[in-house]
Structures are given as structure tokens and as C-alpha cells.
Amino acid sequence: MAGNRTTSAKRHKERARQEKRVEKQQKKAQRKLEQEQAPPTERPAELTITLNEEGQPEGFNFDDF
């Protein structure tokens, strides 16, 4: 009887994995659809590199991207 429990538990775990996989695929498809429908945002063509007093490039800020 102990063997039946492990097999049953394995089936249950595998079924849970399958359901989770399907849910993830559905969420991914939904995000893709929303991304396609969203209006494109304007982004600057190039990043502007600024130099400090010593002539060394400064780091980029979050707003630069």
C-alpha cells in the first residue's frame, strides 16, 4: 500500500506542474497581447555621455534609459 501513496503523490505533483505550466503560458500570452496593443513610447535615439571635471565619463541614471 505504501507504493500506491507514492505513485498517487507523484501523479498529484505532476498534475500540479502541468497546471502551473499552462497558467504561465496563458499569462505570457496575455502580456504579449497587452504589449502589442499598448501605444509605443518615445525613447531617445542615443544616450548622451556626460563628462565630469576630470574628463571622465559619468555613470548613467535610470532616466537615461
Protein backbone atom coordinates (compact mmCIF):
# COMPACT_ATOMS: atom_id res chain seq x y z
CA MET A 1 0.00 0.00 0.00
CA ALA A 2 2.86 2.34 0.60
CA GLY A 3 3.69 2.08 -3.09
CA ASN A 4 0.27 3.38 -4.03
CA ARG A 5 0.74 6.51 -1.97
CA THR A 6 3.99 7.44 -3.67
CA THR A 7 2.52 6.87 -7.11
CA SER A 8 -0.53 8.90 -6.19
CA ALA A 9 1.66 11.68 -4.80
CA LYS A 10 3.76 11.67 -7.98
CA ARG A 11 0.64 11.94 -10.12
CA HIS A 12 -0.65 14.77 -7.97
CA LYS A 13 2.66 16.67 -8.20
CA GLU A 14 2.89 16.17 -11.96
CA ARG A 15 -0.69 17.38 -12.42
CA ALA A 16 0.12 20.47 -10.35
CA ARG A 17 3.21 21.10 -12.51
CA GLN A 18 1.13 20.80 -15.68
CA GLU A 19 -1.49 23.22 -14.38
CA LYS A 20 1.17 25.72 -13.35
CA ARG A 21 2.82 25.44 -16.77
CA VAL A 22 -0.49 26.16 -18.50
CA GLU A 23 -1.16 29.15 -16.25
CA LYS A 24 2.29 30.58 -17.01
CA GLN A 25 1.73 30.15 -20.75
CA GLN A 26 -1.60 31.94 -20.51
CA LYS A 27 -0.08 34.82 -18.54
CA LYS A 28 2.76 35.11 -21.05
CA ALA A 29 0.29 35.22 -23.95
CA GLN A 30 -1.77 37.88 -22.13
CA ARG A 31 1.31 40.06 -21.50
CA LYS A 32 2.33 39.74 -25.14
CA LEU A 33 -1.14 40.75 -26.29
CA GLU A 34 -1.17 43.76 -23.94
CA GLN A 35 2.28 44.80 -25.12
CA GLU A 36 1.20 44.67 -28.77
CA GLN A 37 -1.89 46.77 -28.03
CA ALA A 38 -0.06 49.40 -25.95
CA PRO A 39 0.96 52.56 -27.77
CA PRO A 40 4.70 52.76 -28.40
CA THR A 41 6.61 55.00 -26.04
CA GLU A 42 9.12 57.50 -27.32
CA ARG A 43 12.71 56.75 -26.47
CA PRO A 44 15.73 58.89 -27.20
CA ALA A 45 17.69 57.71 -30.20
CA GLU A 46 21.01 57.78 -28.38
CA LEU A 47 22.35 58.07 -24.88
CA THR A 48 24.21 61.25 -24.09
CA ILE A 49 27.52 60.74 -22.32
CA THR A 50 28.40 63.47 -19.87
CA LEU A 51 31.91 64.10 -18.61
CA ASN A 52 32.95 65.29 -15.17
CA GLU A 53 35.58 67.97 -14.46
CA GLU A 54 38.41 65.47 -14.99
CA GLY A 55 37.11 64.43 -18.38
CA GLN A 56 35.97 61.02 -17.17
CA PRO A 57 32.56 59.77 -18.26
CA GLU A 58 29.88 59.88 -15.59
CA GLY A 59 27.56 56.96 -14.96
CA PHE A 60 24.11 56.75 -16.48
CA ASN A 61 20.99 57.47 -14.46
CA PHE A 62 17.83 55.44 -14.54
CA ASP A 63 16.19 58.17 -16.62
CA ASP A 64 18.84 57.83 -19.32
CA PHE A 65 17.39 54.52 -20.43
